[in-house]
PDB file of N, CA and C in Angstrom:
ATOM      1  N   MET A   1     -12.447  -5.773  -6.345  1.00  0.00           N
ATOM      2  CA  MET A   1     -13.222  -6.265  -5.233  1.00  0.00           C
ATOM      3  C   MET A   1     -14.681  -5.831  -5.422  1.00  0.00           C
ATOM      4  N   PRO A   2     -15.622  -6.734  -5.255  1.00  0.00           N
ATOM      5  CA  PRO A   2     -17.030  -6.382  -5.434  1.00  0.00           C
ATOM      6  C   PRO A   2     -17.475  -5.323  -4.422  1.00  0.00           C
ATOM      7  N   THR A   3     -18.415  -4.495  -4.826  1.00  0.00           N
ATOM      8  CA  THR A   3     -18.997  -3.485  -3.966  1.00  0.00           C
ATOM      9  C   THR A   3     -20.427  -3.886  -3.665  1.00  0.00           C
ATOM     10  N   TYR A   4     -20.864  -3.699  -2.443  1.00  0.00           N
ATOM     11  CA  TYR A   4     -22.203  -4.073  -2.012  1.00  0.00           C
ATOM     12  C   TYR A   4     -23.149  -2.904  -2.273  1.00  0.00           C
ATOM     13  N   TYR A   5     -24.295  -3.182  -2.871  1.00  0.00           N
ATOM     14  CA  TYR A   5     -25.281  -2.147  -3.189  1.00  0.00           C
ATOM     15  C   TYR A   5     -26.625  -2.489  -2.579  1.00  0.00           C
ATOM     16  N   GLU A   6     -27.382  -1.450  -2.262  1.00  0.00           N
ATOM     17  CA  GLU A   6     -28.778  -1.570  -1.876  1.00  0.00           C
ATOM     18  C   GLU A   6     -29.546  -0.650  -2.818  1.00  0.00           C
ATOM     19  N   ILE A   7     -30.483  -1.204  -3.572  1.00  0.00           N
ATOM     20  CA  ILE A   7     -31.202  -0.480  -4.616  1.00  0.00           C
ATOM     21  C   ILE A   7     -32.687  -0.523  -4.292  1.00  0.00           C
ATOM     22  N   ARG A   8     -33.315   0.642  -4.158  1.00  0.00           N
ATOM     23  CA  ARG A   8     -34.737   0.724  -3.818  1.00  0.00           C
ATOM     24  C   ARG A   8     -35.526   1.166  -5.043  1.00  0.00           C
ATOM     25  N   VAL A   9     -36.603   0.434  -5.312  1.00  0.00           N
ATOM     26  CA  VAL A   9     -37.510   0.808  -6.393  1.00  0.00           C
ATOM     27  C   VAL A   9     -38.920   0.916  -5.815  1.00  0.00           C
ATOM     28  N   ALA A  10     -39.724   1.793  -6.411  1.00  0.00           N
ATOM     29  CA  ALA A  10     -41.097   1.982  -5.950  1.00  0.00           C
ATOM     30  C   ALA A  10     -41.923   0.752  -6.268  1.00  0.00           C
ATOM     31  N   GLY A  11     -42.828   0.399  -5.380  1.00  0.00           N
ATOM     32  CA  GLY A  11     -43.730  -0.717  -5.610  1.00  0.00           C
ATOM     33  C   GLY A  11     -43.046  -2.058  -5.453  1.00  0.00           C
ATOM     34  N   PHE A  12     -43.811  -3.079  -5.771  1.00  0.00           N
ATOM     35  CA  PHE A  12     -43.307  -4.441  -5.646  1.00  0.00           C
ATOM     36  C   PHE A  12     -42.983  -4.986  -7.021  1.00  0.00           C
ATOM     37  N   LEU A  13     -41.808  -5.569  -7.164  1.00  0.00           N
ATOM     38  CA  LEU A  13     -41.452  -6.228  -8.420  1.00  0.00           C
ATOM     39  C   LEU A  13     -42.059  -7.622  -8.406  1.00  0.00           C
ATOM     40  N   PRO A  14     -42.759  -7.999  -9.477  1.00  0.00           N
ATOM     41  CA  PRO A  14     -43.361  -9.331  -9.542  1.00  0.00           C
ATOM     42  C   PRO A  14     -42.298 -10.423  -9.458  1.00  0.00           C
ATOM     43  N   PRO A  15     -42.664 -11.599  -8.919  1.00  0.00           N
ATOM     44  CA  PRO A  15     -41.699 -12.697  -8.801  1.00  0.00           C
ATOM     45  C   PRO A  15     -41.000 -13.024 -10.118  1.00  0.00           C
ATOM     46  N   GLY A  16     -41.707 -12.977 -11.234  1.00  0.00           N
ATOM     47  CA  GLY A  16     -41.089 -13.265 -12.529  1.00  0.00           C
ATOM     48  C   GLY A  16     -40.005 -12.263 -12.884  1.00  0.00           C
ATOM     49  N   VAL A  17     -40.207 -11.011 -12.493  1.00  0.00           N
ATOM     50  CA  VAL A  17     -39.200  -9.974 -12.740  1.00  0.00           C
ATOM     51  C   VAL A  17     -38.003 -10.197 -11.823  1.00  0.00           C
ATOM     52  N   LEU A  18     -38.266 -10.566 -10.564  1.00  0.00           N
ATOM     53  CA  LEU A  18     -37.165 -10.789  -9.620  1.00  0.00           C
ATOM     54  C   LEU A  18     -36.227 -11.897 -10.085  1.00  0.00           C
ATOM     55  N   LEU A  19     -36.739 -12.853 -10.855  1.00  0.00           N
ATOM     56  CA  LEU A  19     -35.881 -13.919 -11.394  1.00  0.00           C
ATOM     57  C   LEU A  19     -34.767 -13.353 -12.262  1.00  0.00           C
ATOM     58  N   ASP A  20     -35.024 -12.208 -12.900  1.00  0.00           N
ATOM     59  CA  ASP A  20     -34.017 -11.585 -13.751  1.00  0.00           C
ATOM     60  C   ASP A  20     -32.881 -10.967 -12.940  1.00  0.00           C
ATOM     61  N   PHE A  21     -33.072 -10.835 -11.632  1.00  0.00           N
ATOM     62  CA  PHE A  21     -32.066 -10.234 -10.758  1.00  0.00           C
ATOM     63  C   PHE A  21     -31.549 -11.259  -9.755  1.00  0.00           C
ATOM     64  N   GLU A  22     -31.334 -12.479 -10.221  1.00  0.00           N
ATOM     65  CA  GLU A  22     -30.959 -13.570  -9.324  1.00  0.00           C
ATOM     66  C   GLU A  22     -29.628 -13.355  -8.620  1.00  0.00           C
ATOM     67  N   GLU A  23     -28.781 -12.446  -9.128  1.00  0.00           N
ATOM     68  CA  GLU A  23     -27.502 -12.202  -8.469  1.00  0.00           C
ATOM     69  C   GLU A  23     -27.660 -11.368  -7.200  1.00  0.00           C
ATOM     70  N   LEU A  24     -28.877 -10.851  -6.949  1.00  0.00           N
ATOM     71  CA  LEU A  24     -29.154 -10.033  -5.778  1.00  0.00           C
ATOM     72  C   LEU A  24     -30.259 -10.666  -4.946  1.00  0.00           C
ATOM     73  N   SER A  25     -30.334 -10.272  -3.687  1.00  0.00           N
ATOM     74  CA  SER A  25     -31.440 -10.665  -2.819  1.00  0.00           C
ATOM     75  C   SER A  25     -32.504  -9.583  -2.916  1.00  0.00           C
ATOM     76  N   ALA A  26     -33.747  -9.947  -2.686  1.00  0.00           N
ATOM     77  CA  ALA A  26     -34.836  -8.970  -2.705  1.00  0.00           C
ATOM     78  C   ALA A  26     -35.612  -9.036  -1.406  1.00  0.00           C
ATOM     79  N   SER A  27     -35.963  -7.868  -0.889  1.00  0.00           N
ATOM     80  CA  SER A  27     -36.740  -7.762   0.346  1.00  0.00           C
ATOM     81  C   SER A  27     -37.881  -6.782   0.127  1.00  0.00           C
ATOM     82  N   PRO A  28     -39.060  -7.272  -0.241  1.00  0.00           N
ATOM     83  CA  PRO A  28     -40.191  -6.348  -0.396  1.00  0.00           C
ATOM     84  C   PRO A  28     -40.479  -5.652   0.938  1.00  0.00           C
ATOM     85  N   GLN A  29     -40.606  -4.327   0.900  1.00  0.00           N
ATOM     86  CA  GLN A  29     -40.878  -3.524   2.091  1.00  0.00           C
ATOM     87  C   GLN A  29     -41.910  -2.472   1.736  1.00  0.00           C
ATOM     88  N   GLU A  30     -42.702  -2.059   2.673  1.00  0.00           N
ATOM     89  CA  GLU A  30     -43.705  -1.015   2.531  1.00  0.00           C
ATOM     90  C   GLU A  30     -43.720  -0.321   1.163  1.00  0.00           C
ATOM     91  N   ALA A  31     -44.454  -0.886   0.229  1.00  0.00           N
ATOM     92  CA  ALA A  31     -44.662  -0.307  -1.107  1.00  0.00           C
ATOM     93  C   ALA A  31     -43.373  -0.050  -1.870  1.00  0.00           C
ATOM     94  N   GLN A  32     -42.355  -0.836  -1.597  1.00  0.00           N
ATOM     95  CA  GLN A  32     -41.122  -0.760  -2.381  1.00  0.00           C
ATOM     96  C   GLN A  32     -40.399  -2.091  -2.290  1.00  0.00           C
ATOM     97  N   THR A  33     -39.494  -2.293  -3.204  1.00  0.00           N
ATOM     98  CA  THR A  33     -38.662  -3.491  -3.194  1.00  0.00           C
ATOM     99  C   THR A  33     -37.217  -3.053  -3.027  1.00  0.00           C
ATOM    100  N   VAL A  34     -36.497  -3.736  -2.156  1.00  0.00           N
ATOM    101  CA  VAL A  34     -35.079  -3.451  -1.935  1.00  0.00           C
ATOM    102  C   VAL A  34     -34.283  -4.624  -2.486  1.00  0.00           C
ATOM    103  N   LEU A  35     -33.463  -4.356  -3.486  1.00  0.00           N
ATOM    104  CA  LEU A  35     -32.532  -5.353  -4.020  1.00  0.00           C
ATOM    105  C   LEU A  35     -31.186  -5.080  -3.379  1.00  0.00           C
ATOM    106  N   HIS A  36     -30.478  -6.123  -2.959  1.00  0.00           N
ATOM    107  CA  HIS A  36     -29.180  -5.888  -2.342  1.00  0.00           C
ATOM    108  C   HIS A  36     -28.244  -7.045  -2.636  1.00  0.00           C
ATOM    109  N   GLY A  37     -26.980  -6.702  -2.763  1.00  0.00           N
ATOM    110  CA  GLY A  37     -25.961  -7.702  -3.034  1.00  0.00           C
ATOM    111  C   GLY A  37     -24.711  -7.050  -3.585  1.00  0.00           C
ATOM    112  N   SER A  38     -23.725  -7.866  -3.876  1.00  0.00           N
ATOM    113  CA  SER A  38     -22.442  -7.378  -4.374  1.00  0.00           C
ATOM    114  C   SER A  38     -22.400  -7.425  -5.894  1.00  0.00           C
ATOM    115  N   LEU A  39     -21.805  -6.404  -6.488  1.00  0.00           N
ATOM    116  CA  LEU A  39     -21.583  -6.339  -7.924  1.00  0.00           C
ATOM    117  C   LEU A  39     -20.104  -6.085  -8.155  1.00  0.00           C
ATOM    118  N   GLU A  40     -19.573  -6.658  -9.210  1.00  0.00           N
ATOM    119  CA  GLU A  40     -18.130  -6.593  -9.460  1.00  0.00           C
ATOM    120  C   GLU A  40     -17.624  -5.198  -9.818  1.00  0.00           C
ATOM    121  N   ASP A  41     -18.405  -4.424 -10.596  1.00  0.00           N
ATOM    122  CA  ASP A  41     -17.905  -3.129 -11.051  1.00  0.00           C
ATOM    123  C   ASP A  41     -19.072  -2.217 -11.421  1.00  0.00           C
ATOM    124  N   PRO A  42     -18.795  -0.921 -11.659  1.00  0.00           N
ATOM    125  CA  PRO A  42     -19.855   0.024 -12.010  1.00  0.00           C
ATOM    126  C   PRO A  42     -20.614  -0.362 -13.288  1.00  0.00           C
ATOM    127  N   GLY A  43     -19.962  -1.066 -14.201  1.00  0.00           N
ATOM    128  CA  GLY A  43     -20.628  -1.516 -15.422  1.00  0.00           C
ATOM    129  C   GLY A  43     -21.776  -2.471 -15.112  1.00  0.00           C
ATOM    130  N   GLU A  44     -21.586  -3.346 -14.126  1.00  0.00           N
ATOM    131  CA  GLU A  44     -22.658  -4.261 -13.720  1.00  0.00           C
ATOM    132  C   GLU A  44     -23.822  -3.494 -13.125  1.00  0.00           C
ATOM    133  N   LEU A  45     -23.521  -2.449 -12.353  1.00  0.00           N
ATOM    134  CA  LEU A  45     -24.587  -1.623 -11.777  1.00  0.00           C
ATOM    135  C   LEU A  45     -25.382  -0.958 -12.896  1.00  0.00           C
ATOM    136  N   ARG A  46     -24.709  -0.441 -13.900  1.00  0.00           N
ATOM    137  CA  ARG A  46     -25.389   0.223 -15.027  1.00  0.00           C
ATOM    138  C   ARG A  46     -26.318  -0.759 -15.740  1.00  0.00           C
ATOM    139  N   LYS A  47     -25.834  -1.981 -15.970  1.00  0.00           N
ATOM    140  CA  LYS A  47     -26.665  -3.005 -16.620  1.00  0.00           C
ATOM    141  C   LYS A  47     -27.894  -3.314 -15.775  1.00  0.00           C
ATOM    142  N   LEU A  48     -27.711  -3.398 -14.468  1.00  0.00           N
ATOM    143  CA  LEU A  48     -28.822  -3.690 -13.576  1.00  0.00           C
ATOM    144  C   LEU A  48     -29.859  -2.568 -13.630  1.00  0.00           C
ATOM    145  N   VAL A  49     -29.411  -1.310 -13.596  1.00  0.00           N
ATOM    146  CA  VAL A  49     -30.333  -0.172 -13.679  1.00  0.00           C
ATOM    147  C   VAL A  49     -31.070  -0.185 -15.019  1.00  0.00           C
ATOM    148  N   ASP A  50     -30.361  -0.491 -16.090  1.00  0.00           N
ATOM    149  CA  ASP A  50     -30.997  -0.588 -17.413  1.00  0.00           C
ATOM    150  C   ASP A  50     -32.080  -1.663 -17.419  1.00  0.00           C
ATOM    151  N   ARG A  51     -31.815  -2.800 -16.793  1.00  0.00           N
ATOM    152  CA  ARG A  51     -32.805  -3.881 -16.735  1.00  0.00           C
ATOM    153  C   ARG A  51     -34.022  -3.454 -15.925  1.00  0.00           C
ATOM    154  N   LEU A  52     -33.795  -2.741 -14.816  1.00  0.00           N
ATOM    155  CA  LEU A  52     -34.915  -2.238 -14.031  1.00  0.00           C
ATOM    156  C   LEU A  52     -35.788  -1.312 -14.875  1.00  0.00           C
ATOM    157  N   GLN A  53     -35.161  -0.453 -15.653  1.00  0.00           N
ATOM    158  CA  GLN A  53     -35.905   0.467 -16.504  1.00  0.00           C
ATOM    159  C   GLN A  53     -36.699  -0.293 -17.569  1.00  0.00           C
ATOM    160  N   MET A  54     -36.138  -1.388 -18.088  1.00  0.00           N
ATOM    161  CA  MET A  54     -36.858  -2.215 -19.062  1.00  0.00           C
ATOM    162  C   MET A  54     -38.180  -2.713 -18.485  1.00  0.00           C
ATOM    163  N   PHE A  55     -38.190  -3.021 -17.199  1.00  0.00           N
ATOM    164  CA  PHE A  55     -39.382  -3.527 -16.534  1.00  0.00           C
ATOM    165  C   PHE A  55     -40.293  -2.393 -16.069  1.00  0.00           C
ATOM    166  N   GLY A  56     -39.904  -1.147 -16.312  1.00  0.00           N
ATOM    167  CA  GLY A  56     -40.731  -0.006 -15.926  1.00  0.00           C
ATOM    168  C   GLY A  56     -40.649   0.337 -14.456  1.00  0.00           C
ATOM    169  N   ALA A  57     -39.643  -0.165 -13.749  1.00  0.00           N
ATOM    170  CA  ALA A  57     -39.499   0.122 -12.321  1.00  0.00           C
ATOM    171  C   ALA A  57     -39.031   1.565 -12.129  1.00  0.00           C
ATOM    172  N   ARG A  58     -39.569   2.216 -11.116  1.00  0.00           N
ATOM    173  CA  ARG A  58     -39.151   3.587 -10.801  1.00  0.00           C
ATOM    174  C   ARG A  58     -38.091   3.516  -9.706  1.00  0.00           C
ATOM    175  N   LEU A  59     -36.873   3.865 -10.055  1.00  0.00           N
ATOM    176  CA  LEU A  59     -35.742   3.819  -9.139  1.00  0.00           C
ATOM    177  C   LEU A  59     -35.879   4.929  -8.103  1.00  0.00           C
ATOM    178  N   LEU A  60     -35.796   4.580  -6.840  1.00  0.00           N
ATOM    179  CA  LEU A  60     -35.894   5.562  -5.761  1.00  0.00           C
ATOM    180  C   LEU A  60     -34.521   5.995  -5.268  1.00  0.00           C
ATOM    181  N   GLU A  61     -33.648   5.028  -5.016  1.00  0.00           N
ATOM    182  CA  GLU A  61     -32.314   5.365  -4.522  1.00  0.00           C
ATOM    183  C   GLU A  61     -31.380   4.173  -4.642  1.00  0.00           C
ATOM    184  N   ILE A  62     -30.093   4.495  -4.670  1.00  0.00           N
ATOM    185  CA  ILE A  62     -29.040   3.475  -4.680  1.00  0.00           C
ATOM    186  C   ILE A  62     -28.053   3.850  -3.576  1.00  0.00           C
ATOM    187  N   HIS A  63     -27.750   2.901  -2.728  1.00  0.00           N
ATOM    188  CA  HIS A  63     -26.726   3.098  -1.702  1.00  0.00           C
ATOM    189  C   HIS A  63     -25.584   2.142  -1.983  1.00  0.00           C
ATOM    190  N   ARG A  64     -24.385   2.652  -1.941  1.00  0.00           N
ATOM    191  CA  ARG A  64     -23.188   1.830  -2.141  1.00  0.00           C
ATOM    192  C   ARG A  64     -22.492   1.700  -0.797  1.00  0.00           C
ATOM    193  N   PHE A  65     -22.094   0.485  -0.480  1.00  0.00           N
ATOM    194  CA  PHE A  65     -21.395   0.206   0.774  1.00  0.00           C
ATOM    195  C   PHE A  65     -20.052  -0.426   0.462  1.00  0.00           C
ATOM    196  N   ARG A  66     -19.114  -0.192   1.323  1.00  0.00           N
ATOM    197  CA  ARG A  66     -17.815  -0.853   1.177  1.00  0.00           C
ATOM    198  C   ARG A  66     -17.560  -1.651   2.441  1.00  0.00           C
ATOM    199  N   LYS A  67     -16.801  -2.690   2.295  1.00  0.00           N
ATOM    200  CA  LYS A  67     -16.474  -3.532   3.438  1.00  0.00           C
ATOM    201  C   LYS A  67     -15.077  -3.163   3.923  1.00  0.00           C
ATOM    202  N   GLU A  68     -14.962  -2.879   5.191  1.00  0.00           N
ATOM    203  CA  GLU A  68     -13.665  -2.559   5.789  1.00  0.00           C
ATOM    204  C   GLU A  68     -12.890  -3.847   6.040  1.00  0.00           C
ATOM    205  N   ALA A  69     -11.590  -3.792   5.907  1.00  0.00           N
ATOM    206  CA  ALA A  69     -10.751  -4.946   6.190  1.00  0.00           C
ATOM    207  C   ALA A  69     -10.981  -5.389   7.630  1.00  0.00           C
ATOM    208  N   GLY A  70     -11.224  -6.674   7.830  1.00  0.00           N
ATOM    209  CA  GLY A  70     -11.416  -7.208   9.161  1.00  0.00           C
ATOM    210  C   GLY A  70     -12.851  -7.161   9.644  1.00  0.00           C
ATOM    211  N   ASP A  71     -13.754  -6.542   8.861  1.00  0.00           N
ATOM    212  CA  ASP A  71     -15.164  -6.486   9.255  1.00  0.00           C
ATOM    213  C   ASP A  71     -15.781  -7.871   9.126  1.00  0.00           C
ATOM    214  N   ALA A  72     -16.715  -8.134   9.996  1.00  0.00           N
ATOM    215  CA  ALA A  72     -17.446  -9.406   9.942  1.00  0.00           C
ATOM    216  C   ALA A  72     -18.784  -9.185   9.242  1.00  0.00           C
ATOM    217  N   GLY A  73     -18.739  -8.662   8.009  1.00  0.00           N
ATOM    218  CA  GLY A  73     -19.962  -8.476   7.239  1.00  0.00           C
ATOM    219  C   GLY A  73     -20.618  -7.123   7.429  1.00  0.00           C
ATOM    220  N   ASP A  74     -20.033  -6.238   8.249  1.00  0.00           N
ATOM    221  CA  ASP A  74     -20.618  -4.919   8.415  1.00  0.00           C
ATOM    222  C   ASP A  74     -20.487  -4.137   7.123  1.00  0.00           C
ATOM    223  N   ARG A  75     -21.477  -3.281   6.875  1.00  0.00           N
ATOM    224  CA  ARG A  75     -21.432  -2.439   5.695  1.00  0.00           C
ATOM    225  C   ARG A  75     -21.199  -1.009   6.120  1.00  0.00           C
ATOM    226  N   HIS A  76     -20.402  -0.303   5.359  1.00  0.00           N
ATOM    227  CA  HIS A  76     -20.103   1.090   5.636  1.00  0.00           C
ATOM    228  C   HIS A  76     -20.417   1.893   4.378  1.00  0.00           C
ATOM    229  N   PRO A  77     -21.095   3.058   4.525  1.00  0.00           N
ATOM    230  CA  PRO A  77     -21.333   3.870   3.325  1.00  0.00           C
ATOM    231  C   PRO A  77     -20.030   4.188   2.629  1.00  0.00           C
ATOM    232  N   ALA A  78     -20.045   4.107   1.310  1.00  0.00           N
ATOM    233  CA  ALA A  78     -18.824   4.404   0.541  1.00  0.00           C
ATOM    234  C   ALA A  78     -18.781   5.857   0.183  1.00  0.00           C
TER     235      ALA A  78
END
């Protein structure tokens, strides 16, 4: 089952860079970019972090959420 992640990086990722992360949504916020979405497994998360590093992004934090059975889209810290 996919796990939902929220990944914060310092600064704003340029639109061309965001195209490389099309499997996630992006929400630029006060001097940082928040990428969020579901990933199938920890290997996908590792690949995503590696790609961020390729672009020189400074990773601030990663939050993992799990969905409870019967939830209507609510996220719960894992």
